Amino acid sequence: MQETLVRTALEEYRQNVSQLKRGHRQEKYRLDRISRSFLGGKPVACVTSVDIARYRDQRLQQPSTRTGKPLSVGSVRLELALLSHFFETCRLEWGLCEHNPVSLIRKPRLPPGRTRRLSSRENRMILRYADRHSNPDLYSIIVLALETAMRQGEILSLVWEHVDLRRGTAHLPQTKNGSQRDVPLSPVARDAVMRLRRREQGPIFSYTTAGLQSTWRFMLDKLGIDNLRFHDLRHEAISRLFELGTLDTMEVASISGHRSLSMLRRYTHLRAQKLAKKLEKPRNRNRQNLSEKLVSYPALLEKEGTGYRVRLLDFDDISVQGASREEAVRMARHILLRRIVSSCHNKGEVLPQPDQYLEPVDERKLVLIDPMGGDDEETGEL
């Protein structure tokens, strides 16, 4: 048995095995980390399960170089999986050892899957910030993530020749699980792509992975949003697909690209309120949906010229002007009522939650617009 050192064998593994993997760039950092550890100076044949357990425990106690927080269990498990494949290659193909020491140790248990969902306010804050960003790609990337459940890498790898806006599909020739898939594009997703300058071919987006991550972190810090990862948008999108109530599990899996339904369940966290509605009797459901939506919305009432203008702050397109204060309020009330009723017929339309507006306003000019209020009802200031 040759006395080849682990660091020497790791370099050969990097050149002849790792380079052939799609994630070879990320894997290079893990290989370098292992090579610099105490394992690097040991002969491959002399590494025992005790050594691997020691390496595991040391890594679990070391802080992340990026965040300064303890290294995640997932990161350590990835390193152990890499080590296991390395020793299997050494054993089966290179004859450098007789057993795989990683197979004998206990793997750290993964924590429960994340259940982070976007609130309505966070959703609007992020989209508004992205829409005003100097790089128009940011808005389109975020919309695609929320509408299609594509991974960050899949979105950034999109090229114009693989997007068919007429048919409403985006083709991914290679995905994380090694297969290809076609992703359906909703009308909102199509609009997000169409707003960009179209070319005949080549990448749709200019962002690199590192560039997008940096922009994402800066945006969250600017908006004061905590504990939200870009990958959480994929969680959110998949949960929304289930909450539509029109797609079964296999259809959602074909969109998201999950091969394992158990894995898909980890990504799906349905809101209890949505599930409760499904338990209602069908004859009562439409009536209850309408009654739940008939709520008052805040509006800005300002004098404009010889008349008054009312603007509903949670809607970007509801702004009316009347000759008098009462007429302006009455017109706003009628438009709001029509919008709410229309949303009940159009299941794809989602109304914003009241009082989620972002702009600073003079509270003395705020009024509540009740869609069911009578024409002669007084409108009280908030």
Protein backbone atom coordinates (compact mmCIF):
# COMPACT_ATOMS: atom_id res chain seq x y z
CA MET A 1 0.00 0.00 0.00
CA GLN A 2 1.44 3.35 -1.06
CA GLU A 3 2.10 6.02 1.60
CA THR A 4 0.48 8.80 -0.42
CA LEU A 5 -0.48 11.81 1.68
CA VAL A 6 -4.08 12.97 1.74
CA ARG A 7 -3.17 16.42 0.37
CA THR A 8 -1.36 14.82 -2.59
CA ALA A 9 -4.29 12.53 -3.35
CA LEU A 10 -6.72 15.44 -2.95
CA GLU A 11 -4.88 17.38 -5.66
CA GLU A 12 -5.11 14.40 -8.00
CA TYR A 13 -8.79 14.08 -7.11
CA ARG A 14 -9.33 17.76 -7.92
CA GLN A 15 -7.68 17.50 -11.33
CA ASN A 16 -9.13 14.16 -12.47
CA VAL A 17 -12.45 13.83 -10.66
CA SER A 18 -13.70 17.13 -9.27
CA GLN A 19 -13.07 19.06 -12.49
CA LEU A 20 -15.69 16.92 -14.21
CA LYS A 21 -18.43 17.95 -11.77
CA ARG A 22 -20.78 20.89 -12.34
CA GLY A 23 -20.01 22.27 -8.88
CA HIS A 24 -16.23 22.00 -9.20
CA ARG A 25 -15.68 25.68 -8.34
CA GLN A 26 -17.41 25.40 -4.98
CA GLU A 27 -15.80 22.01 -4.40
CA LYS A 28 -12.32 23.47 -4.85
CA TYR A 29 -12.73 25.53 -1.66
CA ARG A 30 -13.76 22.44 0.30
CA LEU A 31 -10.81 20.46 -1.04
CA ASP A 32 -8.42 23.27 -0.10
CA ARG A 33 -9.91 23.42 3.41
CA ILE A 34 -9.47 19.67 3.93
CA SER A 35 -5.95 19.76 2.50
CA ARG A 36 -4.91 22.48 4.98
CA SER A 37 -6.33 20.57 7.94
CA PHE A 38 -4.45 17.94 9.95
CA LEU A 39 -5.88 15.32 7.59
CA GLY A 40 -3.74 16.68 4.74
CA GLY A 41 -0.50 15.51 6.33
CA LYS A 42 -1.64 11.95 7.02
CA PRO A 43 -1.15 9.01 4.61
CA VAL A 44 -4.44 8.09 2.97
CA ALA A 45 -4.18 4.50 4.22
CA CYS A 46 -3.67 5.63 7.82
CA VAL A 47 -6.77 7.83 8.16
CA THR A 48 -9.24 6.27 10.58
CA SER A 49 -12.84 6.93 11.54
CA VAL A 50 -11.50 8.58 14.71
CA ASP A 51 -9.63 11.10 12.53
CA ILE A 52 -12.76 11.85 10.50
CA ALA A 53 -14.83 12.27 13.68
CA ARG A 54 -12.21 14.67 15.02
CA TYR A 55 -12.30 16.67 11.77
CA ARG A 56 -16.12 16.74 11.92
CA ASP A 57 -16.16 18.07 15.49
CA GLN A 58 -13.49 20.69 14.76
CA ARG A 59 -15.41 22.01 11.77
CA LEU A 60 -18.66 22.21 13.72
CA GLN A 61 -16.90 24.45 16.25
CA GLN A 62 -15.17 26.72 13.73
CA PRO A 63 -16.80 30.01 12.71
CA SER A 64 -17.68 30.78 9.13
CA THR A 65 -15.12 33.05 7.46
CA ARG A 66 -17.95 35.00 5.81
CA THR A 67 -20.43 35.50 8.66
CA GLY A 68 -18.34 34.84 11.77
CA LYS A 69 -21.14 32.57 13.04
CA PRO A 70 -20.71 28.83 13.73
CA LEU A 71 -20.40 26.82 10.54
CA SER A 72 -23.72 25.33 9.46
CA VAL A 73 -24.40 21.63 9.77
CA GLY A 74 -25.18 21.55 6.06
CA SER A 75 -21.70 22.83 5.18
CA VAL A 76 -20.04 20.18 7.34
CA ARG A 77 -22.19 17.45 5.83
CA LEU A 78 -21.15 18.57 2.34
CA GLU A 79 -17.48 18.30 3.33
CA LEU A 80 -18.06 14.84 4.77
CA ALA A 81 -19.84 13.74 1.60
CA LEU A 82 -16.89 15.01 -0.44
CA LEU A 83 -14.45 13.15 1.83
CA SER A 84 -16.49 9.98 1.50
CA HIS A 85 -16.39 10.11 -2.30
CA PHE A 86 -12.69 10.89 -2.14
CA PHE A 87 -11.93 7.82 -0.03
CA GLU A 88 -14.15 5.63 -2.20
CA THR A 89 -12.14 6.76 -5.24
CA CYS A 90 -8.90 6.08 -3.38
CA ARG A 91 -10.11 2.61 -2.41
CA LEU A 92 -11.74 1.43 -5.61
CA GLU A 93 -9.74 3.15 -8.37
CA TRP A 94 -6.34 4.08 -6.96
CA GLY A 95 -5.71 1.35 -4.41
CA LEU A 96 -4.52 3.81 -1.76
CA CYS A 97 -6.62 2.46 1.13
CA GLU A 98 -8.65 -0.59 2.09
CA HIS A 99 -11.71 1.07 3.60
CA ASN A 100 -13.69 4.31 3.66
CA PRO A 101 -13.38 5.79 7.19
CA VAL A 102 -16.19 8.30 6.58
CA SER A 103 -18.76 5.49 6.24
CA LEU A 104 -18.19 4.52 9.88
CA ILE A 105 -18.87 7.85 11.59
CA ARG A 106 -22.08 9.58 12.67
CA LYS A 107 -23.14 12.43 10.39
CA PRO A 108 -24.38 15.62 12.12
CA ARG A 109 -28.15 15.83 12.03
CA LEU A 110 -29.69 18.47 9.84
CA PRO A 111 -31.80 21.11 11.60
CA PRO A 112 -35.49 21.43 10.66
CA GLY A 113 -36.06 22.92 7.22
CA ARG A 114 -36.58 26.67 6.96
CA THR A 115 -40.16 27.88 7.03
CA ARG A 116 -39.48 31.51 6.10
CA ARG A 117 -42.32 33.06 4.13
CA LEU A 118 -42.54 36.56 2.71
CA SER A 119 -45.02 38.89 4.32
CA SER A 120 -47.13 41.06 2.05
CA ARG A 121 -45.24 44.13 3.19
CA GLU A 122 -41.82 42.55 2.58
CA ASN A 123 -42.94 41.46 -0.88
CA ARG A 124 -43.93 44.99 -1.83
CA MET A 125 -40.84 46.56 -0.28
CA ILE A 126 -38.49 44.26 -2.19
CA LEU A 127 -40.25 44.64 -5.53
CA ARG A 128 -40.46 48.42 -5.19
CA TYR A 129 -36.77 48.66 -4.30
CA ALA A 130 -35.81 46.37 -7.19
CA ASP A 131 -37.99 48.28 -9.65
CA ARG A 132 -36.12 51.49 -8.81
CA HIS A 133 -32.66 49.88 -8.84
CA SER A 134 -30.09 51.11 -11.33
CA ASN A 135 -29.77 47.62 -12.81
CA PRO A 136 -33.15 46.55 -14.29
CA ASP A 137 -32.06 42.93 -14.09
CA LEU A 138 -32.66 42.85 -10.33
CA TYR A 139 -36.42 43.33 -10.59
CA SER A 140 -36.80 40.71 -13.33
CA ILE A 141 -34.67 38.19 -11.42
CA ILE A 142 -36.75 38.54 -8.26
CA VAL A 143 -40.05 38.32 -10.15
CA LEU A 144 -38.88 35.17 -11.96
CA ALA A 145 -37.86 33.60 -8.65
CA LEU A 146 -41.30 34.27 -7.15
CA GLU A 147 -43.26 33.26 -10.25
CA THR A 148 -41.34 30.19 -11.47
CA ALA A 149 -39.63 28.69 -8.37
CA MET A 150 -36.38 28.51 -10.32
CA ARG A 151 -33.13 28.37 -8.38
CA GLN A 152 -30.79 31.34 -8.41
CA GLY A 153 -28.28 29.55 -10.62
CA GLU A 154 -30.99 28.50 -13.06
CA ILE A 155 -32.23 32.08 -13.42
CA LEU A 156 -28.76 33.53 -13.92
CA SER A 157 -27.94 30.87 -16.53
CA LEU A 158 -30.96 31.72 -18.72
CA VAL A 159 -30.11 32.64 -22.32
CA TRP A 160 -32.35 34.37 -24.84
CA GLU A 161 -32.38 31.46 -27.27
CA HIS A 162 -33.95 29.21 -24.61
CA VAL A 163 -36.82 31.56 -23.73
CA ASP A 164 -39.99 31.38 -25.85
CA LEU A 165 -42.21 34.28 -24.81
CA ARG A 166 -44.88 33.38 -27.35
CA ARG A 167 -45.35 29.89 -25.87
CA GLY A 168 -44.51 31.10 -22.37
CA THR A 169 -41.68 28.68 -21.56
CA ALA A 170 -38.06 28.82 -20.45
CA HIS A 171 -35.83 25.84 -21.22
CA LEU A 172 -33.17 24.77 -18.71
CA PRO A 173 -30.78 22.37 -20.49
CA GLN A 174 -29.03 21.40 -17.26
CA THR A 175 -30.25 21.73 -13.69
CA LYS A 176 -28.96 20.92 -10.22
CA ASN A 177 -30.18 17.32 -10.37
CA GLY A 178 -28.55 16.80 -13.78
CA SER A 179 -31.71 16.76 -15.89
CA GLN A 180 -33.25 19.32 -18.21
CA ARG A 181 -36.70 20.84 -17.84
CA ASP A 182 -39.05 23.38 -19.34
CA VAL A 183 -40.42 25.96 -16.93
CA PRO A 184 -43.81 27.59 -17.63
CA LEU A 185 -43.80 31.39 -17.48
CA SER A 186 -46.82 33.13 -16.00
CA PRO A 187 -47.96 36.41 -17.59
CA VAL A 188 -46.19 38.27 -14.77
CA ALA A 189 -42.96 36.33 -15.43
CA ARG A 190 -43.20 37.02 -19.16
CA ASP A 191 -43.64 40.74 -18.51
CA ALA A 192 -40.56 40.66 -16.28
CA VAL A 193 -38.50 39.28 -19.16
CA MET A 194 -40.05 41.50 -21.83
CA ARG A 195 -39.12 44.67 -19.94
CA LEU A 196 -35.44 43.91 -20.57
CA ARG A 197 -33.55 44.73 -23.74
CA ARG A 198 -33.88 41.60 -25.86
CA ARG A 199 -30.97 40.19 -27.84
CA GLU A 200 -30.84 37.36 -30.35
CA GLN A 201 -28.76 35.15 -28.10
CA GLY A 202 -26.56 35.10 -25.02
CA PRO A 203 -27.23 35.54 -21.30
CA ILE A 204 -30.37 37.42 -20.29
CA PHE A 205 -28.88 38.74 -17.06
CA SER A 206 -25.59 40.48 -16.36
CA TYR A 207 -25.37 39.48 -12.68
CA THR A 208 -22.86 36.94 -11.46
CA THR A 209 -23.71 34.78 -8.44
CA ALA A 210 -21.43 36.82 -6.18
CA GLY A 211 -22.76 40.10 -7.58
CA LEU A 212 -26.39 39.16 -6.98
CA GLN A 213 -25.65 37.94 -3.46
CA SER A 214 -23.92 41.23 -2.65
CA THR A 215 -26.83 43.26 -4.05
CA TRP A 216 -29.32 41.09 -2.16
CA ARG A 217 -27.57 41.58 1.18
CA PHE A 218 -27.30 45.34 0.63
CA MET A 219 -30.99 45.58 -0.27
CA LEU A 220 -32.15 43.66 2.82
CA ASP A 221 -29.95 45.81 5.05
CA LYS A 222 -31.35 48.95 3.42
CA LEU A 223 -34.95 47.79 3.86
CA GLY A 224 -34.44 46.43 7.38
CA ILE A 225 -35.51 42.88 6.47
CA ASP A 226 -33.95 40.13 8.58
CA ASN A 227 -33.32 36.44 8.01
CA LEU A 228 -34.32 36.27 4.35
CA ARG A 229 -32.22 34.39 1.81
CA PHE A 230 -32.65 34.54 -1.94
CA HIS A 231 -33.36 30.81 -1.87
CA ASP A 232 -36.36 31.55 0.37
CA LEU A 233 -38.02 33.01 -2.73
CA ARG A 234 -38.06 29.48 -4.14
CA HIS A 235 -39.76 28.25 -0.96
CA GLU A 236 -42.28 31.07 -1.29
CA ALA A 237 -42.96 30.37 -4.96
CA ILE A 238 -43.57 26.64 -4.41
CA SER A 239 -45.90 27.32 -1.50
CA ARG A 240 -47.84 29.81 -3.61
CA LEU A 241 -48.19 27.23 -6.40
CA PHE A 242 -49.79 24.83 -3.93
CA GLU A 243 -51.98 27.56 -2.48
CA LEU A 244 -53.46 28.27 -5.91
CA GLY A 245 -55.43 25.05 -5.46
CA THR A 246 -55.33 24.29 -9.20
CA LEU A 247 -52.11 22.23 -9.38
CA ASP A 248 -51.48 18.78 -7.96
CA THR A 249 -48.21 17.66 -6.40
CA MET A 250 -46.77 16.17 -9.58
CA GLU A 251 -47.51 19.33 -11.56
CA VAL A 252 -45.78 21.48 -8.94
CA ALA A 253 -42.82 19.06 -8.96
CA SER A 254 -42.53 19.35 -12.74
CA ILE A 255 -42.33 23.14 -12.41
CA SER A 256 -39.89 23.19 -9.49
CA GLY A 257 -37.73 20.32 -10.74
CA HIS A 258 -37.96 18.19 -7.60
CA ARG A 259 -37.50 14.48 -8.17
CA SER A 260 -38.23 13.49 -4.58
CA LEU A 261 -41.68 14.32 -3.24
CA SER A 262 -40.33 14.09 0.30
CA MET A 263 -37.84 16.82 -0.61
CA LEU A 264 -40.66 18.87 -2.10
CA ARG A 265 -42.53 18.71 1.21
CA ARG A 266 -39.53 20.28 2.95
CA TYR A 267 -39.84 23.30 0.69
CA THR A 268 -43.60 23.70 1.06
CA HIS A 269 -45.10 25.53 4.01
CA LEU A 270 -48.73 26.35 3.39
CA ARG A 271 -50.39 29.09 5.37
CA ALA A 272 -52.91 27.63 7.84
CA GLN A 273 -55.39 30.32 6.85
CA LYS A 274 -55.35 29.09 3.25
CA LEU A 275 -55.86 25.49 4.34
CA ALA A 276 -58.76 26.46 6.60
CA LYS A 277 -60.60 27.97 3.65
CA LYS A 278 -60.39 24.66 1.80
CA LEU A 279 -62.30 23.02 4.64
CA GLU A 280 -65.27 25.33 4.21
CA LYS A 281 -68.43 24.13 2.50
CA PRO A 282 -68.32 25.04 -1.22
CA ARG A 283 -71.62 26.95 -1.07
CA ASN A 284 -70.24 29.24 1.63
CA ARG A 285 -66.76 29.67 0.24
CA ASN A 286 -67.44 32.31 -2.43
CA ARG A 287 -69.61 34.34 -0.07
CA GLN A 288 -66.96 34.19 2.65
CA ASN A 289 -64.18 35.08 0.21
CA LEU A 290 -66.07 38.23 -0.77
CA SER A 291 -66.90 39.18 2.82
CA GLU A 292 -63.26 38.76 3.85
CA LYS A 293 -62.15 41.11 1.09
CA LEU A 294 -64.69 43.82 1.85
CA VAL A 295 -62.40 45.69 4.21
CA SER A 296 -61.51 49.35 4.51
CA TYR A 297 -58.34 50.69 2.92
CA PRO A 298 -56.40 53.82 3.94
CA ALA A 299 -56.28 56.66 1.42
CA LEU A 300 -54.67 60.06 1.12
CA LEU A 301 -57.22 62.88 0.80
CA GLU A 302 -55.78 66.15 -0.49
CA LYS A 303 -57.19 69.34 -1.88
CA GLU A 304 -56.19 69.82 -5.50
CA GLY A 305 -57.11 73.01 -7.28
CA THR A 306 -60.82 73.62 -6.77
CA GLY A 307 -61.53 69.95 -5.97
CA TYR A 308 -60.22 67.02 -3.95
CA ARG A 309 -58.13 63.98 -4.85
CA VAL A 310 -58.32 60.58 -3.10
CA ARG A 311 -55.49 58.09 -3.61
CA LEU A 312 -55.63 54.58 -2.15
CA LEU A 313 -52.12 54.03 -0.87
CA ASP A 314 -52.10 50.22 -1.16
CA PHE A 315 -53.04 50.39 -4.86
CA ASP A 316 -50.76 51.94 -7.42
CA ASP A 317 -53.56 52.75 -9.86
CA ILE A 318 -56.54 53.94 -7.80
CA SER A 319 -56.57 57.72 -7.70
CA VAL A 320 -59.71 59.80 -8.29
CA GLN A 321 -60.62 63.48 -8.27
CA GLY A 322 -63.97 65.01 -7.34
CA ALA A 323 -65.45 68.44 -7.16
CA SER A 324 -66.03 68.02 -3.44
CA ARG A 325 -64.57 65.98 -0.63
CA GLU A 326 -67.67 63.76 -0.47
CA GLU A 327 -67.72 63.16 -4.22
CA ALA A 328 -64.04 62.16 -4.32
CA VAL A 329 -64.53 59.72 -1.42
CA ARG A 330 -67.66 58.26 -3.02
CA MET A 331 -65.87 57.67 -6.35
CA ALA A 332 -62.94 56.02 -4.59
CA ARG A 333 -65.35 53.78 -2.67
CA HIS A 334 -67.08 52.63 -5.86
CA ILE A 335 -63.79 51.90 -7.64
CA LEU A 336 -62.52 49.94 -4.64
CA LEU A 337 -65.71 47.88 -4.49
CA ARG A 338 -65.48 47.05 -8.20
CA ARG A 339 -61.85 46.01 -7.80
CA ILE A 340 -62.69 43.71 -4.88
CA VAL A 341 -65.62 42.07 -6.68
CA SER A 342 -63.50 41.65 -9.82
CA SER A 343 -60.78 39.90 -7.85
CA CYS A 344 -63.32 37.32 -6.63
CA HIS A 345 -64.18 36.41 -10.23
CA ASN A 346 -60.57 36.50 -11.37
CA LYS A 347 -58.81 33.94 -9.15
CA GLY A 348 -55.40 34.97 -10.46
CA GLU A 349 -55.74 38.51 -9.08
CA VAL A 350 -54.38 39.02 -5.58
CA LEU A 351 -55.42 42.12 -3.65
CA PRO A 352 -52.84 43.85 -1.46
CA GLN A 353 -53.37 43.72 2.28
CA PRO A 354 -54.61 47.00 3.80
CA ASP A 355 -52.13 49.33 5.43
CA GLN A 356 -49.07 47.85 3.69
CA TYR A 357 -48.09 51.02 1.84
CA LEU A 358 -44.48 52.15 2.08
CA GLU A 359 -44.39 55.87 1.43
CA PRO A 360 -44.35 58.38 4.30
CA VAL A 361 -47.59 60.41 4.46
CA ASP A 362 -49.15 63.09 6.61
CA GLU A 363 -51.49 61.12 8.88
CA ARG A 364 -53.75 64.14 9.21
CA LYS A 365 -54.70 63.65 5.56
CA LEU A 366 -55.49 59.93 5.87
CA VAL A 367 -59.04 58.61 5.54
CA LEU A 368 -60.51 55.12 5.56
CA ILE A 369 -62.35 54.09 2.42
CA ASP A 370 -65.04 51.54 3.24
CA PRO A 371 -66.19 49.76 0.04
CA MET A 372 -69.61 49.06 1.61
CA GLY A 373 -70.15 52.51 3.14
CA GLY A 374 -73.22 54.49 2.12
CA ASP A 375 -72.92 57.53 -0.13
CA ASP A 376 -73.72 59.86 2.73
CA GLU A 377 -71.40 58.11 5.25
CA GLU A 378 -68.92 60.32 6.97
CA THR A 379 -65.29 59.44 6.27
CA GLY A 380 -63.31 59.63 9.48
CA GLU A 381 -59.71 60.57 9.59
CA LEU A 382 -57.31 58.02 11.03
